[in-house]
Amino acid sequence: MSSGRTACSSSPPATGSCFETYAQACRWTFPEDWDEPHHLDVAVAVLGDTDPEAVATRSERLTFWPFRYEALERDLAAAGFAVESSTFTPDAERYLVTARRSR
């Protein structure tokens, strides 16, 4: 069913937090059809502060439906919102959109 995967990355928590030592792994599964649900499997292992052999693990599968910017604009307008500002460019990996309810 899956046609590809991509690795995830993240920054460690701030120094001084109770999760200073940890490891993260994740997998994004791409379905054959873009409109089908995508899955992101995330797992985190937190090493113990006082016992270096202690490891607490948590994992979760997140299901989501990615969308293109044009679809976001259409959906916002259909819901009565107008885009106020956007950092979108076709080559952007990330962008920010601010919308307000139309008057």
Protein backbone atom coordinates (compact mmCIF):
# COMPACT_ATOMS: atom_id res chain seq x y z
CA MET A 1 0.00 0.00 0.00
CA SER A 2 2.79 2.49 0.76
CA SER A 3 4.86 3.97 -2.03
CA GLY A 4 7.48 5.83 0.00
CA ARG A 5 8.71 7.11 3.32
CA THR A 6 10.55 10.11 4.65
CA ALA A 7 12.50 10.50 7.86
CA CYS A 8 11.57 13.05 10.51
CA SER A 9 13.79 15.38 12.44
CA SER A 10 13.32 17.56 15.45
CA SER A 11 15.25 19.63 17.93
CA PRO A 12 15.82 18.25 21.41
CA PRO A 13 13.88 19.78 24.29
CA ALA A 14 15.36 22.76 26.08
CA THR A 15 18.19 22.05 28.50
CA GLY A 16 16.92 21.74 32.03
CA SER A 17 13.69 20.02 31.03
CA CYS A 18 12.87 16.61 32.43
CA PHE A 19 13.38 15.16 28.93
CA GLU A 20 17.00 16.17 28.32
CA THR A 21 18.07 12.76 27.01
CA TYR A 22 15.86 11.17 24.42
CA ALA A 23 15.71 9.60 20.99
CA GLN A 24 13.00 10.03 18.37
CA ALA A 25 12.09 7.97 15.36
CA CYS A 26 9.30 8.41 12.89
CA ARG A 27 8.05 7.16 9.56
CA TRP A 28 5.71 8.86 7.11
CA THR A 29 3.86 6.37 4.93
CA PHE A 30 2.64 7.67 1.57
CA PRO A 31 -0.42 5.93 0.09
CA GLU A 32 -0.78 5.28 -3.63
CA ASP A 33 -3.46 7.97 -3.96
CA TRP A 34 -2.72 11.48 -2.61
CA ASP A 35 -6.31 11.83 -1.34
CA GLU A 36 -6.08 8.70 0.83
CA PRO A 37 -5.07 9.10 4.48
CA HIS A 38 -1.35 9.36 5.20
CA HIS A 39 0.18 7.94 8.38
CA LEU A 40 2.96 9.29 10.55
CA ASP A 41 4.33 6.83 13.09
CA VAL A 42 6.21 8.58 15.89
CA ALA A 43 8.18 6.88 18.65
CA VAL A 44 10.09 8.55 21.47
CA ALA A 45 12.44 6.95 24.00
CA VAL A 46 13.28 8.96 27.13
CA LEU A 47 16.34 7.86 29.10
CA GLY A 48 16.12 7.99 32.88
CA ASP A 49 17.80 10.84 34.77
CA THR A 50 18.95 8.76 37.74
CA ASP A 51 19.06 5.29 36.20
CA PRO A 52 20.82 5.25 32.79
CA GLU A 53 19.35 1.79 32.13
CA ALA A 54 15.76 3.04 32.52
CA VAL A 55 14.01 3.85 29.25
CA ALA A 56 10.42 4.99 28.85
CA THR A 57 9.00 4.63 25.36
CA ARG A 58 5.89 6.06 23.78
CA SER A 59 4.60 5.70 20.24
CA GLU A 60 1.63 6.92 18.31
CA ARG A 61 0.27 6.63 14.78
CA LEU A 62 -1.13 9.90 13.47
CA THR A 63 -3.49 9.84 10.51
CA PHE A 64 -3.72 12.95 8.37
CA TRP A 65 -4.70 14.19 4.92
CA PRO A 66 -2.17 16.58 3.38
CA PHE A 67 -3.47 19.32 1.15
CA ARG A 68 -2.15 21.75 -1.42
CA TYR A 69 -2.11 25.49 -0.86
CA GLU A 70 -4.81 26.05 -3.49
CA ALA A 71 -7.13 23.67 -1.65
CA LEU A 72 -6.47 25.54 1.60
CA GLU A 73 -7.43 28.84 -0.05
CA ARG A 74 -10.65 27.31 -1.45
CA ASP A 75 -11.58 25.70 1.88
CA LEU A 76 -10.94 28.92 3.81
CA ALA A 77 -13.12 30.91 1.39
CA ALA A 78 -15.88 28.28 1.55
CA ALA A 79 -15.83 28.56 5.36
CA GLY A 80 -16.15 32.35 5.17
CA PHE A 81 -12.52 33.29 5.74
CA ALA A 82 -10.25 35.56 3.72
CA VAL A 83 -6.47 35.13 3.62
CA GLU A 84 -4.95 38.12 5.36
CA SER A 85 -1.29 37.18 4.90
CA SER A 86 0.71 34.24 3.60
CA THR A 87 4.37 33.27 3.33
CA PHE A 88 3.59 30.59 0.72
CA THR A 89 5.88 30.16 -2.28
CA PRO A 90 5.86 27.11 -4.57
CA ASP A 91 9.30 26.01 -3.35
CA ALA A 92 8.65 26.59 0.37
CA GLU A 93 8.93 23.58 2.68
CA ARG A 94 6.83 25.40 5.27
CA TYR A 95 4.62 28.44 5.23
CA LEU A 96 2.30 30.45 7.47
CA VAL A 97 -1.19 31.59 6.53
CA THR A 98 -3.29 34.03 8.53
CA ALA A 99 -6.99 34.25 7.71
CA ARG A 100 -9.89 36.18 9.20
CA ARG A 101 -13.61 35.70 8.93
CA SER A 102 -14.93 37.75 6.04
CA ARG A 103 -17.30 40.54 6.99
